[in-house]
Amino acid sequence: MQSVDSKELLRDLFEEYTEWYFSVAEEDGVLPRSISGISADGKQFIYLIDGLTLPPLVRNKYLRYILDEHHSAVYAYGGLALRGDSDMGEIEEVLDVVAADAEHYIMGHWKVIRGENGKVSGLKPMGVSEGDDLEKHSSTWFLAGAIRFTDTEKLKYGGIWEEAKAEVLFHDRNSEG
């Protein structure tokens, strides 16, 4: 059973991550793909993964490896997605932000508005949902269930992670300042 503290942490992380995306969009006009994990003792990382060139399934397993290595109790993931409307024949860019733990998720979607220069000029809310039905939402997969890594995968993912750490932001949520 999920404790109130983990639900509060999940809500806080979702709100913080959403605010961070709005800030990056306003300041830089971009929306990077990223992941953040927080361990039970308050250690957090934020990893911008736009430059990651792994195929999607390998990338997802690599991200799971990082969350495991970091002992993450909750995580947030965000990035651009393309959505199409078959009736209207249009494709739109959408910012998706999800925060989840092994049992619960919160997910928000915002339509991306771009200015003439191609930079993000605004985000239009499309809705926020949450739940604990793992059948309906797979975002909890990153922290739920047993994933086994072969020795080869551990070496590969460990090497990629070691190289990436120089660009990863680490933060202790329990420290002053």
C-alpha atoms as a PDB file:
ATOM      1  CA  MET A   1       0.000   0.000   0.000  1.00  0.00           C
ATOM      2  CA  GLN A   2       1.235   3.472  -0.874  1.00  0.00           C
ATOM      3  CA  SER A   3       1.920   5.876   1.984  1.00  0.00           C
ATOM      4  CA  VAL A   4       0.636   9.445   2.114  1.00  0.00           C
ATOM      5  CA  ASP A   5       4.247  10.654   2.004  1.00  0.00           C
ATOM      6  CA  SER A   6       4.941   8.957  -1.322  1.00  0.00           C
ATOM      7  CA  LYS A   7       1.740  10.382  -2.818  1.00  0.00           C
ATOM      8  CA  GLU A   8       2.736  13.840  -1.611  1.00  0.00           C
ATOM      9  CA  LEU A   9       6.216  13.400  -3.067  1.00  0.00           C
ATOM     10  CA  LEU A  10       4.678  12.251  -6.341  1.00  0.00           C
ATOM     11  CA  ARG A  11       2.401  15.316  -6.509  1.00  0.00           C
ATOM     12  CA  ASP A  12       5.267  17.634  -5.569  1.00  0.00           C
ATOM     13  CA  LEU A  13       7.505  16.117  -8.247  1.00  0.00           C
ATOM     14  CA  PHE A  14       4.795  16.405 -10.905  1.00  0.00           C
ATOM     15  CA  GLU A  15       4.196  20.075 -10.040  1.00  0.00           C
ATOM     16  CA  GLU A  16       7.923  20.863  -9.881  1.00  0.00           C
ATOM     17  CA  TYR A  17       8.635  19.112 -13.170  1.00  0.00           C
ATOM     18  CA  THR A  18       5.734  20.821 -14.903  1.00  0.00           C
ATOM     19  CA  GLU A  19       6.885  24.218 -13.611  1.00  0.00           C
ATOM     20  CA  TRP A  20      10.431  23.428 -14.770  1.00  0.00           C
ATOM     21  CA  TYR A  21       9.173  22.668 -18.291  1.00  0.00           C
ATOM     22  CA  PHE A  22       7.183  25.906 -18.407  1.00  0.00           C
ATOM     23  CA  SER A  23      10.265  27.815 -17.258  1.00  0.00           C
ATOM     24  CA  VAL A  24      12.558  26.188 -19.847  1.00  0.00           C
ATOM     25  CA  ALA A  25       9.981  26.845 -22.575  1.00  0.00           C
ATOM     26  CA  GLU A  26       9.680  30.508 -21.576  1.00  0.00           C
ATOM     27  CA  GLU A  27      13.413  31.135 -21.111  1.00  0.00           C
ATOM     28  CA  ASP A  28      14.904  29.014 -23.912  1.00  0.00           C
ATOM     29  CA  GLY A  29      11.991  28.253 -26.239  1.00  0.00           C
ATOM     30  CA  VAL A  30      12.730  24.504 -26.113  1.00  0.00           C
ATOM     31  CA  LEU A  31      11.291  21.414 -24.426  1.00  0.00           C
ATOM     32  CA  PRO A  32      14.017  18.815 -23.836  1.00  0.00           C
ATOM     33  CA  ARG A  33      13.303  15.142 -23.214  1.00  0.00           C
ATOM     34  CA  SER A  34      14.333  14.364 -19.634  1.00  0.00           C
ATOM     35  CA  ILE A  35      13.994  12.043 -16.685  1.00  0.00           C
ATOM     36  CA  SER A  36      14.340  12.640 -12.961  1.00  0.00           C
ATOM     37  CA  GLY A  37      14.376  10.148 -10.123  1.00  0.00           C
ATOM     38  CA  ILE A  38      14.160  10.651  -6.376  1.00  0.00           C
ATOM     39  CA  SER A  39      15.320   8.011  -3.912  1.00  0.00           C
ATOM     40  CA  ALA A  40      13.604   7.377  -0.582  1.00  0.00           C
ATOM     41  CA  ASP A  41      16.360   9.363   1.169  1.00  0.00           C
ATOM     42  CA  GLY A  42      15.731  12.453  -0.989  1.00  0.00           C
ATOM     43  CA  LYS A  43      18.589  12.149  -3.489  1.00  0.00           C
ATOM     44  CA  GLN A  44      17.439  13.429  -6.880  1.00  0.00           C
ATOM     45  CA  PHE A  45      18.882  13.477 -10.376  1.00  0.00           C
ATOM     46  CA  ILE A  46      17.711  15.290 -13.512  1.00  0.00           C
ATOM     47  CA  TYR A  47      19.025  13.899 -16.786  1.00  0.00           C
ATOM     48  CA  LEU A  48      18.438  15.578 -20.156  1.00  0.00           C
ATOM     49  CA  ILE A  49      18.262  12.700 -22.626  1.00  0.00           C
ATOM     50  CA  ASP A  50      17.747  14.398 -25.993  1.00  0.00           C
ATOM     51  CA  GLY A  51      21.225  13.316 -27.091  1.00  0.00           C
ATOM     52  CA  LEU A  52      20.648   9.674 -26.192  1.00  0.00           C
ATOM     53  CA  THR A  53      20.774   7.705 -29.447  1.00  0.00           C
ATOM     54  CA  LEU A  54      19.541   4.327 -28.218  1.00  0.00           C
ATOM     55  CA  PRO A  55      16.571   2.635 -29.924  1.00  0.00           C
ATOM     56  CA  PRO A  56      13.332   3.221 -27.927  1.00  0.00           C
ATOM     57  CA  LEU A  57      13.134  -0.204 -26.235  1.00  0.00           C
ATOM     58  CA  VAL A  58      16.828  -0.165 -25.312  1.00  0.00           C
ATOM     59  CA  ARG A  59      16.505   3.446 -24.122  1.00  0.00           C
ATOM     60  CA  ASN A  60      13.595   2.496 -21.860  1.00  0.00           C
ATOM     61  CA  LYS A  61      15.554  -0.379 -20.333  1.00  0.00           C
ATOM     62  CA  TYR A  62      18.565   1.911 -19.862  1.00  0.00           C
ATOM     63  CA  LEU A  63      16.348   4.457 -18.068  1.00  0.00           C
ATOM     64  CA  ARG A  64      15.040   1.669 -15.851  1.00  0.00           C
ATOM     65  CA  TYR A  65      18.662   0.713 -15.104  1.00  0.00           C
ATOM     66  CA  ILE A  66      19.422   4.308 -14.017  1.00  0.00           C
ATOM     67  CA  LEU A  67      16.324   4.462 -11.804  1.00  0.00           C
ATOM     68  CA  ASP A  68      17.361   1.158 -10.194  1.00  0.00           C
ATOM     69  CA  GLU A  69      20.962   2.305  -9.724  1.00  0.00           C
ATOM     70  CA  HIS A  70      19.728   5.492  -8.100  1.00  0.00           C
ATOM     71  CA  HIS A  71      17.237   3.563  -5.905  1.00  0.00           C
ATOM     72  CA  SER A  72      14.462   5.853  -7.161  1.00  0.00           C
ATOM     73  CA  ALA A  73      11.144   5.646  -5.342  1.00  0.00           C
ATOM     74  CA  VAL A  74       9.455   8.079  -7.744  1.00  0.00           C
ATOM     75  CA  TYR A  75      10.366   9.486 -11.125  1.00  0.00           C
ATOM     76  CA  ALA A  76       9.270  12.105 -13.616  1.00  0.00           C
ATOM     77  CA  TYR A  77       9.646  11.956 -17.366  1.00  0.00           C
ATOM     78  CA  GLY A  78       8.871  14.600 -19.923  1.00  0.00           C
ATOM     79  CA  GLY A  79       9.236  15.368 -23.583  1.00  0.00           C
ATOM     80  CA  LEU A  80       7.580  16.169 -26.852  1.00  0.00           C
ATOM     81  CA  ALA A  81       5.257  13.775 -28.604  1.00  0.00           C
ATOM     82  CA  LEU A  82       3.497  14.047 -31.934  1.00  0.00           C
ATOM     83  CA  ARG A  83      -0.242  13.422 -31.969  1.00  0.00           C
ATOM     84  CA  GLY A  84      -2.419  13.144 -35.008  1.00  0.00           C
ATOM     85  CA  ASP A  85      -6.105  13.691 -35.548  1.00  0.00           C
ATOM     86  CA  SER A  86      -7.264  11.385 -38.320  1.00  0.00           C
ATOM     87  CA  ASP A  87     -10.504  13.323 -38.808  1.00  0.00           C
ATOM     88  CA  MET A  88      -8.751  16.633 -39.335  1.00  0.00           C
ATOM     89  CA  GLY A  89      -5.574  15.268 -40.919  1.00  0.00           C
ATOM     90  CA  GLU A  90      -3.392  17.350 -38.602  1.00  0.00           C
ATOM     91  CA  ILE A  91      -0.411  16.538 -36.451  1.00  0.00           C
ATOM     92  CA  GLU A  92       0.303  18.546 -33.339  1.00  0.00           C
ATOM     93  CA  GLU A  93       3.183  18.682 -30.901  1.00  0.00           C
ATOM     94  CA  VAL A  94       2.312  17.845 -27.317  1.00  0.00           C
ATOM     95  CA  LEU A  95       4.378  18.131 -24.158  1.00  0.00           C
ATOM     96  CA  ASP A  96       3.806  15.042 -22.017  1.00  0.00           C
ATOM     97  CA  VAL A  97       4.878  15.058 -18.368  1.00  0.00           C
ATOM     98  CA  VAL A  98       4.400  12.041 -16.141  1.00  0.00           C
ATOM     99  CA  ALA A  99       5.349  11.416 -12.533  1.00  0.00           C
ATOM    100  CA  ALA A 100       4.965   7.898 -11.201  1.00  0.00           C
ATOM    101  CA  ASP A 101       5.971   5.404  -8.595  1.00  0.00           C
ATOM    102  CA  ALA A 102       5.393   1.664  -8.630  1.00  0.00           C
ATOM    103  CA  GLU A 103       1.658   2.042  -7.945  1.00  0.00           C
ATOM    104  CA  HIS A 104       0.406   5.459  -9.036  1.00  0.00           C
ATOM    105  CA  TYR A 105       0.859   7.981 -11.843  1.00  0.00           C
ATOM    106  CA  ILE A 106       0.022  11.592 -12.637  1.00  0.00           C
ATOM    107  CA  MET A 107       0.195  12.640 -16.283  1.00  0.00           C
ATOM    108  CA  GLY A 108      -0.320  16.007 -17.961  1.00  0.00           C
ATOM    109  CA  HIS A 109      -0.464  17.079 -21.600  1.00  0.00           C
ATOM    110  CA  TRP A 110       0.015  20.525 -23.140  1.00  0.00           C
ATOM    111  CA  LYS A 111      -0.315  21.520 -26.787  1.00  0.00           C
ATOM    112  CA  VAL A 112       2.884  23.210 -27.947  1.00  0.00           C
ATOM    113  CA  ILE A 113       2.524  26.603 -29.610  1.00  0.00           C
ATOM    114  CA  ARG A 114       5.514  27.781 -31.655  1.00  0.00           C
ATOM    115  CA  GLY A 115       6.375  31.307 -32.714  1.00  0.00           C
ATOM    116  CA  GLU A 116       7.587  32.362 -36.148  1.00  0.00           C
ATOM    117  CA  ASN A 117      11.158  31.597 -35.106  1.00  0.00           C
ATOM    118  CA  GLY A 118      10.237  27.966 -34.408  1.00  0.00           C
ATOM    119  CA  LYS A 119      10.784  28.327 -30.663  1.00  0.00           C
ATOM    120  CA  VAL A 120       8.126  27.380 -28.138  1.00  0.00           C
ATOM    121  CA  SER A 121       6.005  30.448 -27.429  1.00  0.00           C
ATOM    122  CA  GLY A 122       3.301  28.842 -25.311  1.00  0.00           C
ATOM    123  CA  LEU A 123       1.758  25.710 -23.846  1.00  0.00           C
ATOM    124  CA  LYS A 124      -2.012  25.156 -23.914  1.00  0.00           C
ATOM    125  CA  PRO A 125      -3.400  22.767 -21.264  1.00  0.00           C
ATOM    126  CA  MET A 126      -4.982  19.586 -22.622  1.00  0.00           C
ATOM    127  CA  GLY A 127      -5.628  17.849 -19.314  1.00  0.00           C
ATOM    128  CA  VAL A 128      -4.170  16.055 -16.330  1.00  0.00           C
ATOM    129  CA  SER A 129      -5.074  12.543 -15.267  1.00  0.00           C
ATOM    130  CA  GLU A 130      -3.979  10.230 -12.513  1.00  0.00           C
ATOM    131  CA  GLY A 131      -4.626   6.749 -11.321  1.00  0.00           C
ATOM    132  CA  ASP A 132      -3.340   3.448 -10.131  1.00  0.00           C
ATOM    133  CA  ASP A 133      -4.679   1.158 -12.843  1.00  0.00           C
ATOM    134  CA  LEU A 134      -1.493  -0.307 -14.286  1.00  0.00           C
ATOM    135  CA  GLU A 135      -3.474  -1.846 -17.153  1.00  0.00           C
ATOM    136  CA  LYS A 136      -4.483   1.603 -18.398  1.00  0.00           C
ATOM    137  CA  HIS A 137      -1.157   3.317 -17.919  1.00  0.00           C
ATOM    138  CA  SER A 138       2.266   1.839 -18.364  1.00  0.00           C
ATOM    139  CA  SER A 139       4.290   4.711 -16.893  1.00  0.00           C
ATOM    140  CA  THR A 140       4.566   2.887 -13.607  1.00  0.00           C
ATOM    141  CA  TRP A 141       6.495   0.197 -15.503  1.00  0.00           C
ATOM    142  CA  PHE A 142       9.744   2.089 -14.916  1.00  0.00           C
ATOM    143  CA  LEU A 143       9.515   1.283 -11.191  1.00  0.00           C
ATOM    144  CA  ALA A 144       7.189  -1.733 -11.038  1.00  0.00           C
ATOM    145  CA  GLY A 145       7.952  -5.368 -11.628  1.00  0.00           C
ATOM    146  CA  ALA A 146      11.183  -7.262 -11.694  1.00  0.00           C
ATOM    147  CA  ILE A 147      13.557  -6.396 -14.488  1.00  0.00           C
ATOM    148  CA  ARG A 148      16.705  -8.426 -14.853  1.00  0.00           C
ATOM    149  CA  PHE A 149      19.790  -7.097 -16.496  1.00  0.00           C
ATOM    150  CA  THR A 150      22.350  -9.423 -18.030  1.00  0.00           C
ATOM    151  CA  ASP A 151      25.988  -8.875 -17.123  1.00  0.00           C
ATOM    152  CA  THR A 152      26.516  -7.480 -20.619  1.00  0.00           C
ATOM    153  CA  GLU A 153      23.634  -5.010 -20.172  1.00  0.00           C
ATOM    154  CA  LYS A 154      24.960  -3.958 -16.759  1.00  0.00           C
ATOM    155  CA  LEU A 155      28.360  -3.199 -18.277  1.00  0.00           C
ATOM    156  CA  LYS A 156      26.851  -1.394 -21.277  1.00  0.00           C
ATOM    157  CA  TYR A 157      24.324   0.669 -19.320  1.00  0.00           C
ATOM    158  CA  GLY A 158      26.785   1.313 -16.488  1.00  0.00           C
ATOM    159  CA  GLY A 159      29.303   2.677 -18.986  1.00  0.00           C
ATOM    160  CA  ILE A 160      26.753   4.946 -20.654  1.00  0.00           C
ATOM    161  CA  TRP A 161      25.589   6.194 -17.243  1.00  0.00           C
ATOM    162  CA  GLU A 162      29.160   6.881 -16.035  1.00  0.00           C
ATOM    163  CA  GLU A 163      29.835   8.990 -19.132  1.00  0.00           C
ATOM    164  CA  ALA A 164      26.512  10.827 -18.784  1.00  0.00           C
ATOM    165  CA  LYS A 165      26.915  11.721 -15.085  1.00  0.00           C
ATOM    166  CA  ALA A 166      29.070  14.760 -15.880  1.00  0.00           C
ATOM    167  CA  GLU A 167      26.010  16.368 -17.503  1.00  0.00           C
ATOM    168  CA  VAL A 168      23.433  15.167 -14.955  1.00  0.00           C
ATOM    169  CA  LEU A 169      22.178  17.457 -12.200  1.00  0.00           C
ATOM    170  CA  PHE A 170      22.234  15.845  -8.747  1.00  0.00           C
ATOM    171  CA  HIS A 171      20.400  17.373  -5.792  1.00  0.00           C
ATOM    172  CA  ASP A 172      19.744  16.400  -2.182  1.00  0.00           C
ATOM    173  CA  ARG A 173      16.168  17.452  -1.422  1.00  0.00           C
ATOM    174  CA  ASN A 174      16.861  17.209   2.320  1.00  0.00           C
ATOM    175  CA  SER A 175      19.796  19.638   2.407  1.00  0.00           C
ATOM    176  CA  GLU A 176      19.501  23.297   3.281  1.00  0.00           C
ATOM    177  CA  GLY A 177      19.538  25.771   0.382  1.00  0.00           C
END
